[in-house]
């Protein structure tokens, strides 16, 4: 099951379109560039890779 795209809750103001969107997909995750929308390349990440990405972004 693939969920809807979600943007970071920290995305605010004029920068709203300049972020990464993510969604769950078949036991893994997908990410894309929000400003490109449907034309953005979609990157498939294993759950462990997505967790690592989130940890690195919090630093």
C-alpha atoms as a PDB file:
ATOM      1  CA  UNK A   1       0.000   0.000   0.000  1.00  0.00           C
ATOM      2  CA  UNK A   2       1.336   3.425  -0.948  1.00  0.00           C
ATOM      3  CA  UNK A   3       0.378   6.435   1.173  1.00  0.00           C
ATOM      4  CA  UNK A   4      -0.045  10.095   0.166  1.00  0.00           C
ATOM      5  CA  UNK A   5       2.996  12.371  -0.179  1.00  0.00           C
ATOM      6  CA  UNK A   6       3.796  14.337   3.004  1.00  0.00           C
ATOM      7  CA  UNK A   7       5.958  17.420   3.523  1.00  0.00           C
ATOM      8  CA  UNK A   8       7.898  18.198   6.658  1.00  0.00           C
ATOM      9  CA  UNK A   9       5.889  19.945   9.362  1.00  0.00           C
ATOM     10  CA  UNK A  10       8.834  22.370   9.615  1.00  0.00           C
ATOM     11  CA  UNK A  11       8.218  23.621   6.081  1.00  0.00           C
ATOM     12  CA  UNK A  12       6.819  27.137   6.485  1.00  0.00           C
ATOM     13  CA  UNK A  13       6.543  30.508   4.767  1.00  0.00           C
ATOM     14  CA  UNK A  14       8.155  31.166   1.401  1.00  0.00           C
ATOM     15  CA  UNK A  15      10.215  27.984   1.657  1.00  0.00           C
ATOM     16  CA  UNK A  16       7.170  25.663   1.559  1.00  0.00           C
ATOM     17  CA  UNK A  17       7.874  24.444  -1.955  1.00  0.00           C
ATOM     18  CA  UNK A  18      11.584  23.881  -1.295  1.00  0.00           C
ATOM     19  CA  UNK A  19      11.560  20.635   0.599  1.00  0.00           C
ATOM     20  CA  UNK A  20      11.479  16.895   0.272  1.00  0.00           C
ATOM     21  CA  UNK A  21       8.247  14.927   0.334  1.00  0.00           C
ATOM     22  CA  UNK A  22       8.056  11.348   1.548  1.00  0.00           C
ATOM     23  CA  UNK A  23       5.573   8.498   1.587  1.00  0.00           C
ATOM     24  CA  UNK A  24       5.437   4.876   2.667  1.00  0.00           C
ATOM     25  CA  UNK A  25       5.359   2.360  -0.163  1.00  0.00           C
ATOM     26  CA  UNK A  26       5.299  -1.436   0.026  1.00  0.00           C
ATOM     27  CA  UNK A  27       7.271  -1.751   3.281  1.00  0.00           C
ATOM     28  CA  UNK A  28       9.798   0.921   2.309  1.00  0.00           C
ATOM     29  CA  UNK A  29       9.770   4.667   1.622  1.00  0.00           C
ATOM     30  CA  UNK A  30       9.913   6.989  -1.357  1.00  0.00           C
ATOM     31  CA  UNK A  31      11.196  10.579  -1.441  1.00  0.00           C
ATOM     32  CA  UNK A  32      10.942  13.326  -4.062  1.00  0.00           C
ATOM     33  CA  UNK A  33      11.573  17.053  -4.544  1.00  0.00           C
ATOM     34  CA  UNK A  34       8.351  18.911  -3.724  1.00  0.00           C
ATOM     35  CA  UNK A  35       9.001  21.843  -6.056  1.00  0.00           C
ATOM     36  CA  UNK A  36       9.068  19.463  -9.044  1.00  0.00           C
ATOM     37  CA  UNK A  37       5.884  17.677  -7.947  1.00  0.00           C
ATOM     38  CA  UNK A  38       4.728  14.926 -10.278  1.00  0.00           C
ATOM     39  CA  UNK A  39       7.727  15.466 -12.585  1.00  0.00           C
ATOM     40  CA  UNK A  40      10.257  14.826  -9.796  1.00  0.00           C
ATOM     41  CA  UNK A  41      12.333  11.672  -9.842  1.00  0.00           C
ATOM     42  CA  UNK A  42      11.218   9.327  -7.046  1.00  0.00           C
ATOM     43  CA  UNK A  43      13.885   7.639  -4.939  1.00  0.00           C
ATOM     44  CA  UNK A  44      13.085   4.332  -3.260  1.00  0.00           C
ATOM     45  CA  UNK A  45      14.674   3.835   0.167  1.00  0.00           C
ATOM     46  CA  UNK A  46      14.747   0.851   2.477  1.00  0.00           C
ATOM     47  CA  UNK A  47      13.317   1.577   5.928  1.00  0.00           C
ATOM     48  CA  UNK A  48      16.803   1.626   7.480  1.00  0.00           C
ATOM     49  CA  UNK A  49      18.052   4.120   4.859  1.00  0.00           C
ATOM     50  CA  UNK A  50      15.045   6.389   5.421  1.00  0.00           C
ATOM     51  CA  UNK A  51      15.668   6.301   9.193  1.00  0.00           C
ATOM     52  CA  UNK A  52      19.313   7.257   8.569  1.00  0.00           C
ATOM     53  CA  UNK A  53      18.202  10.127   6.315  1.00  0.00           C
ATOM     54  CA  UNK A  54      15.881  11.462   9.028  1.00  0.00           C
ATOM     55  CA  UNK A  55      18.599  11.190  11.672  1.00  0.00           C
ATOM     56  CA  UNK A  56      21.078  13.091   9.496  1.00  0.00           C
ATOM     57  CA  UNK A  57      18.503  15.814   8.752  1.00  0.00           C
ATOM     58  CA  UNK A  58      17.888  16.402  12.467  1.00  0.00           C
ATOM     59  CA  UNK A  59      21.540  17.306  13.102  1.00  0.00           C
END
